[in-house]
């Protein structure tokens, strides 16, 4: 899929999905992200539109251009470097990004670099059904695998959140494509 195709695909989300994300989902998970927040893989800016104190970055120039045309702060990731200073953010979000990465260490090292000590990283990944529905998904993460990976990069787990159910459910993970697990992690070193 080309960058432009992926950008156009993102714009096909339903009005209901947009309403849920911006009025229920992001306010629910966003309360775990204090201060200035970096949205890594910001897509077409749904999180940015909810949190005025956020900055988006993406590898797709069509996404970045769209965000900027809609008055959102966004920048392009180039050469695997986030366009941000060291320790310049209180929080960061990777919403349905991690499972697309063959080499997550590049992104996680950069997230660690731009977060302050004690900064929070919120990572959302799809459940089983959502994971199997996208051929671009590379690695499946459950809570244990996410905790193990993030510990290697100097993050401790604070808690897990679940949407749209607000509780953990293997039944929904297997049968509901929109079910997601969100890990809240704190930078410890």
N, C-alpha and C. Protein backbone atom coordinates (compact mmCIF):
# COMPACT_ATOMS: atom_id res chain seq x y z
N UNK A 1 0.84 -1.17 0.00
CA UNK A 1 0.00 0.00 0.00
C UNK A 1 0.90 1.25 0.00
N UNK A 2 0.61 2.18 -0.88
CA UNK A 2 1.41 3.40 -0.93
C UNK A 2 1.05 4.32 0.24
N UNK A 3 1.89 5.33 0.46
CA UNK A 3 1.61 6.31 1.51
C UNK A 3 0.27 7.01 1.27
N UNK A 4 0.01 7.35 0.01
CA UNK A 4 -1.25 8.02 -0.31
C UNK A 4 -2.44 7.08 -0.11
N UNK A 5 -2.29 5.81 -0.49
CA UNK A 5 -3.35 4.84 -0.28
C UNK A 5 -3.67 4.69 1.21
N UNK A 6 -2.61 4.63 2.04
CA UNK A 6 -2.83 4.48 3.48
C UNK A 6 -3.51 5.72 4.06
N UNK A 7 -3.10 6.89 3.61
CA UNK A 7 -3.74 8.14 4.03
C UNK A 7 -5.23 8.11 3.68
N UNK A 8 -5.55 7.72 2.46
CA UNK A 8 -6.96 7.65 2.03
C UNK A 8 -7.72 6.59 2.83
N UNK A 9 -7.06 5.49 3.15
CA UNK A 9 -7.69 4.44 3.96
C UNK A 9 -8.06 5.00 5.35
N UNK A 10 -7.17 5.76 5.96
CA UNK A 10 -7.45 6.33 7.28
C UNK A 10 -8.68 7.23 7.25
N UNK A 11 -8.89 7.90 6.16
CA UNK A 11 -10.04 8.82 6.06
C UNK A 11 -11.36 8.09 5.87
N UNK A 12 -11.34 6.77 5.70
CA UNK A 12 -12.59 6.02 5.50
C UNK A 12 -13.26 5.63 6.81
N UNK A 13 -12.67 6.01 7.96
CA UNK A 13 -13.28 5.65 9.24
C UNK A 13 -14.69 6.24 9.30
N UNK A 14 -15.55 5.56 9.98
CA UNK A 14 -16.95 6.00 10.08
C UNK A 14 -17.09 7.18 11.03
N UNK A 15 -18.18 7.91 10.90
CA UNK A 15 -18.46 9.00 11.83
C UNK A 15 -18.61 8.48 13.25
N UNK A 16 -19.17 7.27 13.38
CA UNK A 16 -19.31 6.68 14.71
C UNK A 16 -17.93 6.41 15.32
N UNK A 17 -17.02 5.87 14.53
CA UNK A 17 -15.67 5.59 15.02
C UNK A 17 -14.97 6.89 15.43
N UNK A 18 -15.13 7.93 14.64
CA UNK A 18 -14.54 9.23 14.98
C UNK A 18 -15.15 9.76 16.27
N UNK A 19 -16.47 9.67 16.40
CA UNK A 19 -17.14 10.13 17.61
C UNK A 19 -16.63 9.36 18.82
N UNK A 20 -16.56 8.03 18.72
CA UNK A 20 -16.11 7.22 19.84
C UNK A 20 -14.68 7.60 20.24
N UNK A 21 -13.79 7.67 19.27
CA UNK A 21 -12.39 7.96 19.56
C UNK A 21 -12.22 9.32 20.22
N UNK A 22 -12.87 10.35 19.67
CA UNK A 22 -12.64 11.71 20.15
C UNK A 22 -13.46 12.08 21.38
N UNK A 23 -14.60 11.44 21.59
CA UNK A 23 -15.46 11.81 22.72
C UNK A 23 -15.41 10.84 23.89
N UNK A 24 -15.00 9.58 23.62
CA UNK A 24 -15.00 8.58 24.69
C UNK A 24 -13.60 7.95 24.87
N UNK A 25 -13.08 7.33 23.82
CA UNK A 25 -11.82 6.60 23.92
C UNK A 25 -10.63 7.45 24.30
N UNK A 26 -10.36 8.50 23.54
CA UNK A 26 -9.19 9.32 23.84
C UNK A 26 -9.32 10.09 25.15
N UNK A 27 -10.47 10.62 25.50
CA UNK A 27 -10.57 11.22 26.84
C UNK A 27 -10.31 10.20 27.96
N UNK A 28 -10.76 8.96 27.77
CA UNK A 28 -10.56 7.91 28.77
C UNK A 28 -9.07 7.58 28.94
N UNK A 29 -8.37 7.30 27.85
CA UNK A 29 -6.96 6.94 27.97
C UNK A 29 -6.07 8.16 28.17
N UNK A 30 -6.49 9.30 27.65
CA UNK A 30 -5.68 10.51 27.71
C UNK A 30 -5.44 11.04 29.10
N UNK A 31 -6.28 10.67 30.05
CA UNK A 31 -6.08 11.15 31.41
C UNK A 31 -4.83 10.55 32.05
N UNK A 32 -4.24 9.55 31.41
CA UNK A 32 -3.00 8.95 31.90
C UNK A 32 -1.77 9.58 31.26
N UNK A 33 -1.99 10.60 30.43
CA UNK A 33 -0.88 11.30 29.77
C UNK A 33 -0.88 12.76 30.21
N UNK A 34 -0.03 13.11 31.16
CA UNK A 34 0.02 14.49 31.64
C UNK A 34 0.87 15.39 30.75
N UNK A 35 0.63 16.68 30.83
CA UNK A 35 1.50 17.68 30.21
C UNK A 35 1.55 17.62 28.70
N UNK A 36 2.71 17.96 28.15
CA UNK A 36 2.94 18.01 26.72
C UNK A 36 3.12 16.59 26.18
N UNK A 37 2.33 16.22 25.17
CA UNK A 37 2.28 14.84 24.68
C UNK A 37 2.69 14.76 23.20
N UNK A 38 3.50 13.76 22.87
CA UNK A 38 3.89 13.47 21.50
C UNK A 38 3.07 12.30 20.99
N UNK A 39 2.34 12.50 19.91
CA UNK A 39 1.56 11.43 19.27
C UNK A 39 2.42 10.85 18.15
N UNK A 40 3.00 9.68 18.43
CA UNK A 40 3.91 9.01 17.49
C UNK A 40 3.09 8.16 16.54
N UNK A 41 3.12 8.51 15.26
CA UNK A 41 2.26 7.85 14.29
C UNK A 41 0.87 8.45 14.36
N UNK A 42 0.81 9.77 14.26
CA UNK A 42 -0.43 10.52 14.52
C UNK A 42 -1.52 10.31 13.49
N UNK A 43 -1.19 9.69 12.35
CA UNK A 43 -2.23 9.46 11.34
C UNK A 43 -2.85 10.77 10.89
N UNK A 44 -4.17 10.82 10.89
CA UNK A 44 -4.87 12.02 10.42
C UNK A 44 -5.31 12.92 11.58
N UNK A 45 -4.71 12.71 12.75
CA UNK A 45 -4.83 13.67 13.83
C UNK A 45 -5.97 13.53 14.80
N UNK A 46 -6.57 12.36 14.91
CA UNK A 46 -7.70 12.21 15.84
C UNK A 46 -7.30 12.55 17.28
N UNK A 47 -6.17 12.01 17.75
CA UNK A 47 -5.74 12.33 19.11
C UNK A 47 -5.36 13.80 19.23
N UNK A 48 -4.69 14.33 18.24
CA UNK A 48 -4.28 15.73 18.27
C UNK A 48 -5.48 16.67 18.40
N UNK A 49 -6.59 16.28 17.79
CA UNK A 49 -7.79 17.13 17.83
C UNK A 49 -8.43 17.14 19.22
N UNK A 50 -8.09 16.16 20.05
CA UNK A 50 -8.65 16.05 21.40
C UNK A 50 -7.74 16.73 22.43
N UNK A 51 -6.43 16.64 22.25
CA UNK A 51 -5.46 17.16 23.21
C UNK A 51 -4.72 18.34 22.61
N UNK A 52 -5.10 19.54 23.03
CA UNK A 52 -4.49 20.77 22.50
C UNK A 52 -3.01 20.88 22.85
N UNK A 53 -2.57 20.15 23.87
CA UNK A 53 -1.18 20.21 24.29
C UNK A 53 -0.38 19.03 23.71
N UNK A 54 -0.71 18.68 22.46
CA UNK A 54 -0.04 17.54 21.82
C UNK A 54 0.56 17.96 20.49
N UNK A 55 1.58 17.20 20.11
CA UNK A 55 2.28 17.37 18.84
C UNK A 55 2.29 16.02 18.16
N UNK A 56 2.00 15.99 16.87
CA UNK A 56 1.99 14.72 16.15
C UNK A 56 3.19 14.57 15.25
N UNK A 57 3.62 13.32 15.10
CA UNK A 57 4.67 12.99 14.14
C UNK A 57 4.24 11.73 13.40
N UNK A 58 4.68 11.63 12.15
CA UNK A 58 4.30 10.48 11.33
C UNK A 58 5.33 10.30 10.23
N UNK A 59 5.44 9.07 9.70
CA UNK A 59 6.34 8.82 8.58
C UNK A 59 5.68 9.12 7.24
N UNK A 60 4.36 9.32 7.26
CA UNK A 60 3.59 9.52 6.03
C UNK A 60 3.39 11.02 5.79
N UNK A 61 4.00 11.57 4.72
CA UNK A 61 3.86 13.01 4.46
C UNK A 61 2.42 13.44 4.18
N UNK A 62 1.59 12.56 3.65
CA UNK A 62 0.19 12.90 3.40
C UNK A 62 -0.55 13.12 4.72
N UNK A 63 -0.25 12.28 5.72
CA UNK A 63 -0.87 12.44 7.04
C UNK A 63 -0.44 13.76 7.67
N UNK A 64 0.85 14.05 7.63
CA UNK A 64 1.37 15.28 8.24
C UNK A 64 0.77 16.51 7.57
N UNK A 65 0.72 16.50 6.26
CA UNK A 65 0.15 17.63 5.52
C UNK A 65 -1.32 17.83 5.90
N UNK A 66 -2.07 16.74 5.97
CA UNK A 66 -3.49 16.81 6.33
C UNK A 66 -3.67 17.41 7.72
N UNK A 67 -2.87 16.94 8.68
CA UNK A 67 -2.96 17.46 10.04
C UNK A 67 -2.69 18.97 10.05
N UNK A 68 -1.64 19.37 9.38
CA UNK A 68 -1.27 20.79 9.36
C UNK A 68 -2.35 21.63 8.67
N UNK A 69 -2.94 21.11 7.60
CA UNK A 69 -4.01 21.84 6.91
C UNK A 69 -5.25 21.99 7.80
N UNK A 70 -5.37 21.14 8.81
CA UNK A 70 -6.49 21.20 9.73
C UNK A 70 -6.13 21.89 11.04
N UNK A 71 -5.03 22.64 11.03
CA UNK A 71 -4.64 23.45 12.18
C UNK A 71 -3.99 22.69 13.32
N UNK A 72 -3.54 21.47 13.07
CA UNK A 72 -2.89 20.66 14.10
C UNK A 72 -1.38 20.74 13.95
N UNK A 73 -0.66 20.59 15.04
CA UNK A 73 0.80 20.63 15.01
C UNK A 73 1.32 19.24 14.70
N UNK A 74 2.01 19.11 13.57
CA UNK A 74 2.53 17.81 13.14
C UNK A 74 3.82 17.99 12.36
N UNK A 75 4.66 16.97 12.39
CA UNK A 75 5.94 17.00 11.68
C UNK A 75 6.25 15.62 11.15
N UNK A 76 7.11 15.57 10.16
CA UNK A 76 7.49 14.33 9.50
C UNK A 76 8.67 13.68 10.22
N UNK A 77 8.59 12.37 10.41
CA UNK A 77 9.72 11.59 10.93
C UNK A 77 10.62 11.28 9.73
N UNK A 78 11.88 11.65 9.82
CA UNK A 78 12.82 11.36 8.74
C UNK A 78 14.03 10.63 9.30
N UNK A 79 14.52 9.66 8.55
CA UNK A 79 15.70 8.88 8.94
C UNK A 79 15.57 8.27 10.34
N UNK A 80 14.36 7.83 10.67
CA UNK A 80 14.07 7.20 11.97
C UNK A 80 14.35 8.11 13.16
N UNK A 81 14.46 9.42 12.95
CA UNK A 81 14.70 10.38 14.01
C UNK A 81 13.44 11.19 14.26
N UNK A 82 12.99 11.24 15.50
CA UNK A 82 11.86 12.09 15.83
C UNK A 82 12.32 13.55 15.82
N UNK A 83 11.55 14.43 15.21
CA UNK A 83 11.92 15.85 15.17
C UNK A 83 11.59 16.53 16.51
N UNK A 84 12.36 16.16 17.55
CA UNK A 84 12.12 16.68 18.90
C UNK A 84 13.42 16.62 19.70
N UNK A 85 13.53 17.53 20.65
CA UNK A 85 14.70 17.58 21.52
C UNK A 85 14.63 16.47 22.57
N UNK A 86 15.78 16.12 23.12
CA UNK A 86 15.84 15.16 24.22
C UNK A 86 15.00 15.65 25.39
N UNK A 87 14.32 14.74 26.07
CA UNK A 87 13.56 15.02 27.29
C UNK A 87 12.64 16.24 27.15
N UNK A 88 11.95 16.34 26.03
CA UNK A 88 11.11 17.51 25.78
C UNK A 88 9.61 17.24 25.94
N UNK A 89 9.23 15.99 26.27
CA UNK A 89 7.81 15.65 26.42
C UNK A 89 7.55 14.97 27.76
N UNK A 90 6.35 15.25 28.30
CA UNK A 90 5.90 14.61 29.53
C UNK A 90 5.25 13.26 29.25
N UNK A 91 4.71 13.11 28.04
CA UNK A 91 4.02 11.89 27.66
C UNK A 91 4.12 11.65 26.17
N UNK A 92 3.87 10.41 25.79
CA UNK A 92 3.84 10.04 24.37
C UNK A 92 2.83 8.92 24.19
N UNK A 93 2.24 8.87 23.02
CA UNK A 93 1.27 7.83 22.70
C UNK A 93 1.64 7.17 21.39
N UNK A 94 1.56 5.85 21.38
CA UNK A 94 1.71 5.01 20.19
C UNK A 94 0.40 4.25 20.07
N UNK A 95 -0.54 4.79 19.33
CA UNK A 95 -1.86 4.17 19.24
C UNK A 95 -1.98 3.35 17.96
N UNK A 96 -1.98 2.03 18.13
CA UNK A 96 -2.07 1.10 17.01
C UNK A 96 -0.95 1.34 16.00
N UNK A 97 0.27 1.41 16.55
CA UNK A 97 1.49 1.59 15.75
C UNK A 97 2.45 0.43 15.99
N UNK A 98 2.65 0.05 17.24
CA UNK A 98 3.68 -0.92 17.61
C UNK A 98 3.57 -2.23 16.82
N UNK A 99 2.37 -2.71 16.62
CA UNK A 99 2.17 -3.99 15.93
C UNK A 99 2.57 -3.94 14.45
N UNK A 100 2.76 -2.73 13.90
CA UNK A 100 3.16 -2.56 12.50
C UNK A 100 4.68 -2.59 12.33
N UNK A 101 5.41 -2.54 13.44
CA UNK A 101 6.87 -2.36 13.38
C UNK A 101 7.61 -3.69 13.46
N UNK A 102 8.43 -3.95 12.46
CA UNK A 102 9.29 -5.13 12.47
C UNK A 102 10.42 -4.94 13.48
N UNK A 103 10.90 -3.71 13.59
CA UNK A 103 11.99 -3.38 14.51
C UNK A 103 11.53 -2.29 15.47
N UNK A 104 10.76 -2.65 16.49
CA UNK A 104 10.22 -1.64 17.41
C UNK A 104 11.28 -0.90 18.22
N UNK A 105 12.49 -1.48 18.30
CA UNK A 105 13.54 -0.85 19.10
C UNK A 105 13.88 0.55 18.60
N UNK A 106 13.78 0.79 17.30
CA UNK A 106 14.08 2.12 16.75
C UNK A 106 13.11 3.14 17.32
N UNK A 107 11.83 2.85 17.25
CA UNK A 107 10.79 3.76 17.74
C UNK A 107 10.84 3.88 19.26
N UNK A 108 11.04 2.78 19.97
CA UNK A 108 11.06 2.83 21.43
C UNK A 108 12.27 3.58 21.96
N UNK A 109 13.42 3.46 21.30
CA UNK A 109 14.59 4.24 21.70
C UNK A 109 14.34 5.74 21.50
N UNK A 110 13.71 6.08 20.41
CA UNK A 110 13.40 7.48 20.16
C UNK A 110 12.35 8.00 21.15
N UNK A 111 11.36 7.19 21.47
CA UNK A 111 10.36 7.59 22.46
C UNK A 111 11.04 7.83 23.81
N UNK A 112 11.92 6.95 24.18
CA UNK A 112 12.65 7.11 25.44
C UNK A 112 13.48 8.39 25.42
N UNK A 113 14.12 8.67 24.31
CA UNK A 113 14.97 9.86 24.20
C UNK A 113 14.18 11.15 24.42
N UNK A 114 12.98 11.24 23.83
CA UNK A 114 12.23 12.51 23.89
C UNK A 114 11.40 12.66 25.16
N UNK A 115 11.24 11.58 25.94
CA UNK A 115 10.48 11.65 27.18
C UNK A 115 11.37 12.06 28.35
N UNK A 116 10.79 12.85 29.25
CA UNK A 116 11.48 13.19 30.49
C UNK A 116 11.49 11.97 31.40
N UNK A 117 12.41 11.93 32.37
CA UNK A 117 12.39 10.88 33.38
C UNK A 117 11.03 10.98 34.10
N UNK A 118 10.37 9.86 34.27
CA UNK A 118 9.03 9.85 34.85
C UNK A 118 7.93 10.10 33.83
N UNK A 119 8.34 10.38 32.59
CA UNK A 119 7.36 10.59 31.52
C UNK A 119 6.61 9.31 31.22
N UNK A 120 5.41 9.47 30.71
CA UNK A 120 4.56 8.30 30.43
C UNK A 120 4.47 8.00 28.94
N UNK A 121 4.51 6.71 28.65
CA UNK A 121 4.32 6.22 27.29
C UNK A 121 3.09 5.33 27.30
N UNK A 122 2.11 5.69 26.50
CA UNK A 122 0.87 4.92 26.41
C UNK A 122 0.87 4.21 25.05
N UNK A 123 0.79 2.89 25.09
CA UNK A 123 0.85 2.08 23.87
C UNK A 123 -0.44 1.30 23.71
N UNK A 124 -1.12 1.52 22.58
CA UNK A 124 -2.34 0.78 22.27
C UNK A 124 -2.09 -0.21 21.15
N UNK A 125 -2.56 -1.44 21.36
CA UNK A 125 -2.43 -2.50 20.35
C UNK A 125 -3.78 -3.20 20.19
N UNK A 126 -4.03 -3.74 19.01
CA UNK A 126 -5.32 -4.43 18.82
C UNK A 126 -5.36 -5.78 19.52
N UNK A 127 -6.57 -6.21 19.81
CA UNK A 127 -6.77 -7.56 20.31
C UNK A 127 -6.57 -8.56 19.18
N UNK A 128 -6.88 -9.80 19.44
CA UNK A 128 -6.64 -10.89 18.47
C UNK A 128 -7.38 -10.65 17.16
N UNK A 129 -8.67 -10.35 17.20
CA UNK A 129 -9.46 -10.16 15.98
C UNK A 129 -8.92 -8.99 15.16
N UNK A 130 -8.68 -7.85 15.81
CA UNK A 130 -8.15 -6.68 15.11
C UNK A 130 -6.79 -6.94 14.50
N UNK A 131 -5.95 -7.68 15.23
CA UNK A 131 -4.63 -7.99 14.73
C UNK A 131 -4.71 -8.82 13.44
N UNK A 132 -5.59 -9.79 13.39
CA UNK A 132 -5.66 -10.68 12.22
C UNK A 132 -6.30 -10.01 11.01
N UNK A 133 -6.94 -8.88 11.20
CA UNK A 133 -7.66 -8.24 10.09
C UNK A 133 -6.81 -7.31 9.24
N UNK A 134 -5.54 -7.09 9.60
CA UNK A 134 -4.69 -6.18 8.84
C UNK A 134 -3.42 -6.91 8.44
N UNK A 135 -3.22 -7.05 7.15
CA UNK A 135 -2.06 -7.79 6.64
C UNK A 135 -0.75 -7.07 6.92
N UNK A 136 -0.79 -5.79 7.31
CA UNK A 136 0.42 -5.04 7.62
C UNK A 136 0.88 -5.24 9.06
N UNK A 137 0.10 -5.93 9.88
CA UNK A 137 0.50 -6.18 11.26
C UNK A 137 1.63 -7.21 11.28
N UNK A 138 2.69 -6.90 12.03
CA UNK A 138 3.89 -7.73 12.04
C UNK A 138 4.03 -8.58 13.30
N UNK A 139 3.73 -7.98 14.48
CA UNK A 139 3.95 -8.67 15.75
C UNK A 139 2.72 -8.49 16.63
N UNK A 140 2.22 -9.59 17.17
CA UNK A 140 1.08 -9.52 18.09
C UNK A 140 1.61 -9.31 19.51
N UNK A 141 0.99 -8.37 20.21
CA UNK A 141 1.36 -8.08 21.60
C UNK A 141 0.16 -8.30 22.52
N UNK A 142 0.41 -9.05 23.59
CA UNK A 142 -0.54 -9.09 24.71
C UNK A 142 0.14 -8.33 25.85
N UNK A 143 -0.48 -8.29 27.00
CA UNK A 143 0.07 -7.52 28.11
C UNK A 143 1.47 -8.00 28.51
N UNK A 144 1.65 -9.31 28.61
CA UNK A 144 2.94 -9.87 29.04
C UNK A 144 4.05 -9.52 28.05
N UNK A 145 3.77 -9.66 26.77
CA UNK A 145 4.79 -9.37 25.76
C UNK A 145 5.12 -7.87 25.72
N UNK A 146 4.09 -7.03 25.91
CA UNK A 146 4.32 -5.59 25.94
C UNK A 146 5.19 -5.21 27.15
N UNK A 147 4.86 -5.75 28.33
CA UNK A 147 5.64 -5.45 29.54
C UNK A 147 7.09 -5.88 29.39
N UNK A 148 7.29 -7.08 28.85
CA UNK A 148 8.64 -7.61 28.66
C UNK A 148 9.45 -6.71 27.72
N UNK A 149 8.85 -6.30 26.63
CA UNK A 149 9.53 -5.45 25.65
C UNK A 149 9.87 -4.09 26.25
N UNK A 150 8.92 -3.45 26.90
CA UNK A 150 9.13 -2.10 27.41
C UNK A 150 10.13 -2.07 28.56
N UNK A 151 10.20 -3.12 29.34
CA UNK A 151 11.17 -3.19 30.43
C UNK A 151 12.59 -3.11 29.86
N UNK A 152 12.82 -3.73 28.72
CA UNK A 152 14.14 -3.70 28.07
C UNK A 152 14.57 -2.29 27.70
N UNK A 153 13.61 -1.39 27.56
CA UNK A 153 13.90 -0.02 27.15
C UNK A 153 13.79 0.98 28.30
N UNK A 154 13.72 0.48 29.53
CA UNK A 154 13.72 1.36 30.68
C UNK A 154 12.36 1.93 31.03
N UNK A 155 11.30 1.15 30.82
CA UNK A 155 9.94 1.58 31.17
C UNK A 155 9.31 0.55 32.11
N UNK A 156 8.63 1.05 33.14
CA UNK A 156 7.89 0.14 34.01
C UNK A 156 6.40 0.31 33.73
N UNK A 157 5.68 -0.78 33.87
CA UNK A 157 4.24 -0.77 33.63
C UNK A 157 3.50 -0.19 34.82
N UNK A 158 2.60 0.73 34.54
CA UNK A 158 1.75 1.33 35.57
C UNK A 158 0.41 0.60 35.62
N UNK A 159 -0.17 0.36 34.44
CA UNK A 159 -1.48 -0.31 34.37
C UNK A 159 -1.81 -0.62 32.92
N UNK A 160 -2.89 -1.37 32.74
CA UNK A 160 -3.43 -1.64 31.41
C UNK A 160 -4.87 -1.13 31.37
N UNK A 161 -5.26 -0.64 30.21
CA UNK A 161 -6.61 -0.15 29.95
C UNK A 161 -7.15 -0.91 28.75
N UNK A 162 -8.47 -0.94 28.61
CA UNK A 162 -9.09 -1.70 27.52
C UNK A 162 -10.22 -0.87 26.92
N UNK A 163 -10.24 -0.84 25.59
CA UNK A 163 -11.35 -0.15 24.91
C UNK A 163 -11.90 -1.09 23.84
N UNK A 164 -13.14 -1.00 23.51
CA UNK A 164 -14.16 -0.10 24.06
C UNK A 164 -14.85 -0.64 25.31
N UNK A 165 -14.37 -1.74 25.86
CA UNK A 165 -15.08 -2.42 26.95
C UNK A 165 -14.77 -1.85 28.33
N UNK A 166 -13.62 -1.18 28.50
CA UNK A 166 -13.14 -0.67 29.79
C UNK A 166 -12.78 -1.79 30.76
N UNK A 167 -12.78 -3.02 30.30
CA UNK A 167 -12.33 -4.16 31.11
C UNK A 167 -11.71 -5.18 30.17
N UNK A 168 -10.83 -6.02 30.73
CA UNK A 168 -10.17 -7.06 29.94
C UNK A 168 -11.17 -8.14 29.58
N UNK A 169 -11.14 -8.57 28.31
CA UNK A 169 -12.06 -9.61 27.87
C UNK A 169 -11.44 -10.42 26.74
N UNK A 170 -11.13 -11.69 27.01
CA UNK A 170 -10.63 -12.57 25.95
C UNK A 170 -11.71 -12.80 24.89
N UNK A 171 -12.95 -12.84 25.29
CA UNK A 171 -14.06 -13.01 24.36
C UNK A 171 -14.10 -11.86 23.36
N UNK A 172 -14.03 -10.63 23.85
CA UNK A 172 -14.05 -9.47 22.95
C UNK A 172 -12.76 -9.39 22.13
N UNK A 173 -11.63 -9.76 22.71
CA UNK A 173 -10.37 -9.74 21.98
C UNK A 173 -10.44 -10.65 20.75
N UNK A 174 -11.09 -11.80 20.90
CA UNK A 174 -11.20 -12.77 19.81
C UNK A 174 -12.29 -12.43 18.80
N UNK A 175 -13.28 -11.61 19.20
CA UNK A 175 -14.46 -11.42 18.35
C UNK A 175 -14.79 -9.98 17.98
N UNK A 176 -14.11 -9.00 18.55
CA UNK A 176 -14.42 -7.60 18.28
C UNK A 176 -13.19 -6.91 17.72
N UNK A 177 -13.26 -6.51 16.44
CA UNK A 177 -12.10 -5.92 15.77
C UNK A 177 -11.62 -4.63 16.42
N UNK A 178 -12.52 -3.89 17.05
CA UNK A 178 -12.12 -2.60 17.65
C UNK A 178 -11.56 -2.74 19.07
N UNK A 179 -11.53 -3.93 19.62
CA UNK A 179 -11.00 -4.14 20.97
C UNK A 179 -9.51 -3.85 20.97
N UNK A 180 -9.06 -3.02 21.92
CA UNK A 180 -7.64 -2.68 22.05
C UNK A 180 -7.20 -2.75 23.50
N UNK A 181 -5.92 -3.07 23.66
CA UNK A 181 -5.25 -3.07 24.96
C UNK A 181 -4.29 -1.88 24.97
N UNK A 182 -4.36 -1.08 26.03
CA UNK A 182 -3.47 0.07 26.19
C UNK A 182 -2.61 -0.14 27.42
N UNK A 183 -1.30 -0.13 27.23
CA UNK A 183 -0.37 -0.20 28.34
C UNK A 183 0.10 1.19 28.69
N UNK A 184 0.08 1.51 29.98
CA UNK A 184 0.60 2.79 30.47
C UNK A 184 1.95 2.48 31.12
N UNK A 185 3.01 3.09 30.60
CA UNK A 185 4.37 2.84 31.06
C UNK A 185 5.02 4.14 31.50
N UNK A 186 5.94 4.03 32.45
CA UNK A 186 6.67 5.20 32.95
C UNK A 186 8.16 5.01 32.68
N UNK A 187 8.80 6.07 32.18
CA UNK A 187 10.24 6.02 31.93
C UNK A 187 10.98 6.07 33.26
N UNK A 188 11.78 5.04 33.52
CA UNK A 188 12.49 4.95 34.79
C UNK A 188 13.98 5.19 34.66
N UNK A 189 14.49 5.23 33.47
CA UNK A 189 15.94 5.45 33.34
C UNK A 189 16.36 5.66 31.93
